[in-house]
């Protein structure tokens, strides 16, 4: 595990995802990457999906994950791999961010005023753990979708 957050010293120029690209018009420029990379950059999907992404309460997480899953299914049906993968990333991010708030008070993992020392774990909110579980289940449902899995395999073969 890293001693400091990965965003310190981040090289914006080397980052594969660019905010000035329309990934619907130029899908070949999209890269799957690791985890949630590019999720807050890739337009127009960021705008289409991001407005539905919420995890404040269990009920809100349920509504949010269901809507994002609906978008995922629509993207798969339209053979829009980039949209489907971005929906997957938002579901994954719903899990990871809600877990962060479940584990750490206020979702803050590092103390920026103390050389980015790790803050105490286990100080977060139980309801966020429930929200995380909802997103996790939807994320895994997406990952097990055979059509999506085939699209992803083909995409990685063609574009890396």
C-alpha atoms as a PDB file:
ATOM      1  CA  UNK A   1       0.000   0.000   0.000  1.00  0.00           C
ATOM      2  CA  UNK A   2       1.249   3.480  -0.843  1.00  0.00           C
ATOM      3  CA  UNK A   3       2.411   5.809   1.917  1.00  0.00           C
ATOM      4  CA  UNK A   4       0.779   8.789   0.223  1.00  0.00           C
ATOM      5  CA  UNK A   5      -2.261   9.267  -2.013  1.00  0.00           C
ATOM      6  CA  UNK A   6      -1.703   8.425  -5.677  1.00  0.00           C
ATOM      7  CA  UNK A   7      -2.988  11.834  -6.798  1.00  0.00           C
ATOM      8  CA  UNK A   8       0.092  13.569  -5.380  1.00  0.00           C
ATOM      9  CA  UNK A   9       2.501  14.140  -8.248  1.00  0.00           C
ATOM     10  CA  UNK A  10      -0.129  13.062 -10.788  1.00  0.00           C
ATOM     11  CA  UNK A  11       1.071  13.545 -14.382  1.00  0.00           C
ATOM     12  CA  UNK A  12      -1.932  15.001 -16.193  1.00  0.00           C
ATOM     13  CA  UNK A  13      -0.143  15.068 -19.555  1.00  0.00           C
ATOM     14  CA  UNK A  14       0.546  11.325 -19.526  1.00  0.00           C
ATOM     15  CA  UNK A  15      -3.016  10.400 -18.536  1.00  0.00           C
ATOM     16  CA  UNK A  16      -4.690   8.475 -21.371  1.00  0.00           C
ATOM     17  CA  UNK A  17      -8.168  10.007 -20.976  1.00  0.00           C
ATOM     18  CA  UNK A  18      -8.670  13.567 -22.177  1.00  0.00           C
ATOM     19  CA  UNK A  19     -11.577  15.906 -21.378  1.00  0.00           C
ATOM     20  CA  UNK A  20     -11.637  17.462 -24.862  1.00  0.00           C
ATOM     21  CA  UNK A  21     -12.481  14.193 -26.670  1.00  0.00           C
ATOM     22  CA  UNK A  22     -16.047  13.158 -27.453  1.00  0.00           C
ATOM     23  CA  UNK A  23     -15.735   9.427 -26.862  1.00  0.00           C
ATOM     24  CA  UNK A  24     -19.093   8.735 -28.503  1.00  0.00           C
ATOM     25  CA  UNK A  25     -17.843  10.284 -31.754  1.00  0.00           C
ATOM     26  CA  UNK A  26     -14.314   8.889 -31.375  1.00  0.00           C
ATOM     27  CA  UNK A  27     -14.737   5.636 -29.437  1.00  0.00           C
ATOM     28  CA  UNK A  28     -11.472   4.129 -30.709  1.00  0.00           C
ATOM     29  CA  UNK A  29      -9.611   6.623 -28.484  1.00  0.00           C
ATOM     30  CA  UNK A  30     -11.155   5.086 -25.350  1.00  0.00           C
ATOM     31  CA  UNK A  31      -9.082   2.745 -23.203  1.00  0.00           C
ATOM     32  CA  UNK A  32     -10.517   0.417 -20.583  1.00  0.00           C
ATOM     33  CA  UNK A  33      -7.650   1.040 -18.169  1.00  0.00           C
ATOM     34  CA  UNK A  34      -7.654  -0.112 -14.563  1.00  0.00           C
ATOM     35  CA  UNK A  35     -10.674   0.114 -12.319  1.00  0.00           C
ATOM     36  CA  UNK A  36     -12.368   3.481 -12.598  1.00  0.00           C
ATOM     37  CA  UNK A  37      -9.753   5.344 -14.648  1.00  0.00           C
ATOM     38  CA  UNK A  38     -11.261   8.031 -16.865  1.00  0.00           C
ATOM     39  CA  UNK A  39     -14.693   7.870 -15.262  1.00  0.00           C
ATOM     40  CA  UNK A  40     -14.783  11.580 -14.379  1.00  0.00           C
ATOM     41  CA  UNK A  41     -13.366  12.693 -17.735  1.00  0.00           C
ATOM     42  CA  UNK A  42     -14.882  10.761 -20.655  1.00  0.00           C
ATOM     43  CA  UNK A  43     -17.670  12.765 -22.246  1.00  0.00           C
ATOM     44  CA  UNK A  44     -20.502  12.562 -23.105  1.00  0.00           C
ATOM     45  CA  UNK A  45     -20.792   9.530 -20.825  1.00  0.00           C
ATOM     46  CA  UNK A  46     -19.671  11.443 -17.743  1.00  0.00           C
ATOM     47  CA  UNK A  47     -22.660  13.763 -18.200  1.00  0.00           C
ATOM     48  CA  UNK A  48     -25.101  11.013 -19.189  1.00  0.00           C
ATOM     49  CA  UNK A  49     -24.273   8.687 -16.300  1.00  0.00           C
ATOM     50  CA  UNK A  50     -22.737  10.922 -13.638  1.00  0.00           C
ATOM     51  CA  UNK A  51     -25.918  12.868 -12.975  1.00  0.00           C
ATOM     52  CA  UNK A  52     -27.478   9.641 -11.648  1.00  0.00           C
ATOM     53  CA  UNK A  53     -24.552   8.631  -9.422  1.00  0.00           C
ATOM     54  CA  UNK A  54     -25.430   9.024  -5.718  1.00  0.00           C
ATOM     55  CA  UNK A  55     -24.752   7.013  -2.569  1.00  0.00           C
ATOM     56  CA  UNK A  56     -25.758   9.195   0.401  1.00  0.00           C
ATOM     57  CA  UNK A  57     -28.250   6.655   1.754  1.00  0.00           C
ATOM     58  CA  UNK A  58     -29.171   3.051   1.092  1.00  0.00           C
ATOM     59  CA  UNK A  59     -32.380   4.135  -0.694  1.00  0.00           C
ATOM     60  CA  UNK A  60     -30.535   6.673  -2.845  1.00  0.00           C
ATOM     61  CA  UNK A  61     -27.874   4.073  -3.704  1.00  0.00           C
ATOM     62  CA  UNK A  62     -30.598   1.620  -4.732  1.00  0.00           C
ATOM     63  CA  UNK A  63     -32.236   4.159  -7.045  1.00  0.00           C
ATOM     64  CA  UNK A  64     -28.885   5.323  -8.430  1.00  0.00           C
ATOM     65  CA  UNK A  65     -27.468   1.864  -9.096  1.00  0.00           C
ATOM     66  CA  UNK A  66     -30.712   0.749 -10.755  1.00  0.00           C
ATOM     67  CA  UNK A  67     -30.689   3.760 -13.091  1.00  0.00           C
ATOM     68  CA  UNK A  68     -27.024   3.274 -13.982  1.00  0.00           C
ATOM     69  CA  UNK A  69     -27.696  -0.423 -14.591  1.00  0.00           C
ATOM     70  CA  UNK A  70     -30.563   0.521 -16.947  1.00  0.00           C
ATOM     71  CA  UNK A  71     -28.159   2.780 -18.841  1.00  0.00           C
ATOM     72  CA  UNK A  72     -25.632  -0.071 -18.944  1.00  0.00           C
ATOM     73  CA  UNK A  73     -28.202  -2.420 -20.491  1.00  0.00           C
ATOM     74  CA  UNK A  74     -29.172   0.222 -23.053  1.00  0.00           C
ATOM     75  CA  UNK A  75     -25.525   0.780 -24.027  1.00  0.00           C
ATOM     76  CA  UNK A  76     -24.997  -2.981 -24.403  1.00  0.00           C
ATOM     77  CA  UNK A  77     -28.141  -3.242 -26.533  1.00  0.00           C
ATOM     78  CA  UNK A  78     -26.837  -0.397 -28.738  1.00  0.00           C
ATOM     79  CA  UNK A  79     -23.428  -2.131 -29.003  1.00  0.00           C
ATOM     80  CA  UNK A  80     -21.893   0.945 -27.344  1.00  0.00           C
ATOM     81  CA  UNK A  81     -19.012  -0.616 -25.427  1.00  0.00           C
ATOM     82  CA  UNK A  82     -17.624   2.703 -24.187  1.00  0.00           C
ATOM     83  CA  UNK A  83     -20.968   3.629 -22.637  1.00  0.00           C
ATOM     84  CA  UNK A  84     -21.363   0.173 -21.097  1.00  0.00           C
ATOM     85  CA  UNK A  85     -17.851   0.274 -19.665  1.00  0.00           C
ATOM     86  CA  UNK A  86     -18.361   3.764 -18.288  1.00  0.00           C
ATOM     87  CA  UNK A  87     -21.588   2.594 -16.592  1.00  0.00           C
ATOM     88  CA  UNK A  88     -19.579  -0.285 -15.104  1.00  0.00           C
ATOM     89  CA  UNK A  89     -17.014   2.210 -13.831  1.00  0.00           C
ATOM     90  CA  UNK A  90     -19.697   4.341 -12.158  1.00  0.00           C
ATOM     91  CA  UNK A  91     -21.099   1.259 -10.411  1.00  0.00           C
ATOM     92  CA  UNK A  92     -17.596   0.274  -9.307  1.00  0.00           C
ATOM     93  CA  UNK A  93     -16.939   3.825  -8.132  1.00  0.00           C
ATOM     94  CA  UNK A  94     -20.227   3.791  -6.209  1.00  0.00           C
ATOM     95  CA  UNK A  95     -18.879   0.813  -4.309  1.00  0.00           C
ATOM     96  CA  UNK A  96     -15.387   2.210  -3.694  1.00  0.00           C
ATOM     97  CA  UNK A  97     -16.512   5.711  -2.707  1.00  0.00           C
ATOM     98  CA  UNK A  98     -19.296   4.493  -0.435  1.00  0.00           C
ATOM     99  CA  UNK A  99     -16.786   2.097   1.194  1.00  0.00           C
ATOM    100  CA  UNK A 100     -14.424   5.028   1.721  1.00  0.00           C
ATOM    101  CA  UNK A 101     -17.174   6.864   3.618  1.00  0.00           C
ATOM    102  CA  UNK A 102     -18.008   3.677   5.520  1.00  0.00           C
ATOM    103  CA  UNK A 103     -14.376   3.246   6.544  1.00  0.00           C
ATOM    104  CA  UNK A 104     -13.347   6.846   7.223  1.00  0.00           C
ATOM    105  CA  UNK A 105     -15.234   9.722   8.828  1.00  0.00           C
ATOM    106  CA  UNK A 106     -16.185  12.195   6.105  1.00  0.00           C
ATOM    107  CA  UNK A 107     -14.607   9.904   3.496  1.00  0.00           C
ATOM    108  CA  UNK A 108     -11.171  11.333   4.266  1.00  0.00           C
ATOM    109  CA  UNK A 109      -8.449   8.692   4.269  1.00  0.00           C
ATOM    110  CA  UNK A 110      -5.401  10.971   4.562  1.00  0.00           C
ATOM    111  CA  UNK A 111      -4.560  13.915   6.812  1.00  0.00           C
ATOM    112  CA  UNK A 112      -3.251  16.547   4.415  1.00  0.00           C
ATOM    113  CA  UNK A 113      -2.151  18.719   7.351  1.00  0.00           C
ATOM    114  CA  UNK A 114       0.031  15.916   8.740  1.00  0.00           C
ATOM    115  CA  UNK A 115       2.143  14.858   5.718  1.00  0.00           C
ATOM    116  CA  UNK A 116      -0.768  12.778   4.398  1.00  0.00           C
ATOM    117  CA  UNK A 117      -0.695  10.328   7.292  1.00  0.00           C
ATOM    118  CA  UNK A 118      -3.452   7.718   7.184  1.00  0.00           C
ATOM    119  CA  UNK A 119      -6.440   8.632   9.320  1.00  0.00           C
ATOM    120  CA  UNK A 120      -8.121   6.165  11.667  1.00  0.00           C
ATOM    121  CA  UNK A 121     -10.106   3.460   9.902  1.00  0.00           C
ATOM    122  CA  UNK A 122     -13.498   2.363  11.207  1.00  0.00           C
ATOM    123  CA  UNK A 123     -14.779   5.855  11.944  1.00  0.00           C
ATOM    124  CA  UNK A 124     -17.236   6.099   9.048  1.00  0.00           C
ATOM    125  CA  UNK A 125     -20.980   5.590   8.635  1.00  0.00           C
ATOM    126  CA  UNK A 126     -22.724   2.204   8.639  1.00  0.00           C
ATOM    127  CA  UNK A 127     -25.310   3.369   6.094  1.00  0.00           C
ATOM    128  CA  UNK A 128     -22.510   3.962   3.596  1.00  0.00           C
ATOM    129  CA  UNK A 129     -21.493   0.302   3.982  1.00  0.00           C
ATOM    130  CA  UNK A 130     -25.053  -0.650   3.026  1.00  0.00           C
ATOM    131  CA  UNK A 131     -24.922   1.704   0.036  1.00  0.00           C
ATOM    132  CA  UNK A 132     -21.588   0.161  -0.971  1.00  0.00           C
ATOM    133  CA  UNK A 133     -23.096  -3.336  -0.875  1.00  0.00           C
ATOM    134  CA  UNK A 134     -25.867  -2.223  -3.244  1.00  0.00           C
ATOM    135  CA  UNK A 135     -23.379  -0.819  -5.757  1.00  0.00           C
ATOM    136  CA  UNK A 136     -21.148  -3.874  -5.378  1.00  0.00           C
ATOM    137  CA  UNK A 137     -24.004  -6.225  -6.291  1.00  0.00           C
ATOM    138  CA  UNK A 138     -24.860  -4.196  -9.421  1.00  0.00           C
ATOM    139  CA  UNK A 139     -21.197  -3.913 -10.401  1.00  0.00           C
ATOM    140  CA  UNK A 140     -20.800  -7.686 -10.192  1.00  0.00           C
ATOM    141  CA  UNK A 141     -24.044  -8.150 -12.152  1.00  0.00           C
ATOM    142  CA  UNK A 142     -22.554  -6.002 -14.916  1.00  0.00           C
ATOM    143  CA  UNK A 143     -19.246  -7.880 -14.824  1.00  0.00           C
ATOM    144  CA  UNK A 144     -21.105 -11.180 -15.277  1.00  0.00           C
ATOM    145  CA  UNK A 145     -23.091  -9.966 -18.291  1.00  0.00           C
ATOM    146  CA  UNK A 146     -21.956 -12.261 -21.117  1.00  0.00           C
ATOM    147  CA  UNK A 147     -22.582  -9.777 -23.920  1.00  0.00           C
ATOM    148  CA  UNK A 148     -20.609  -7.080 -22.095  1.00  0.00           C
ATOM    149  CA  UNK A 149     -17.780  -9.529 -21.338  1.00  0.00           C
ATOM    150  CA  UNK A 150     -17.538 -10.410 -25.025  1.00  0.00           C
ATOM    151  CA  UNK A 151     -17.599  -6.736 -26.043  1.00  0.00           C
ATOM    152  CA  UNK A 152     -14.853  -5.971 -23.519  1.00  0.00           C
ATOM    153  CA  UNK A 153     -12.680  -8.849 -24.706  1.00  0.00           C
ATOM    154  CA  UNK A 154     -13.073  -7.741 -28.329  1.00  0.00           C
ATOM    155  CA  UNK A 155     -12.411  -4.089 -27.421  1.00  0.00           C
ATOM    156  CA  UNK A 156      -9.188  -4.929 -25.601  1.00  0.00           C
ATOM    157  CA  UNK A 157      -8.068  -7.101 -28.517  1.00  0.00           C
ATOM    158  CA  UNK A 158      -8.690  -4.277 -31.015  1.00  0.00           C
ATOM    159  CA  UNK A 159      -7.687  -1.206 -29.033  1.00  0.00           C
ATOM    160  CA  UNK A 160      -5.717  -2.349 -26.019  1.00  0.00           C
END
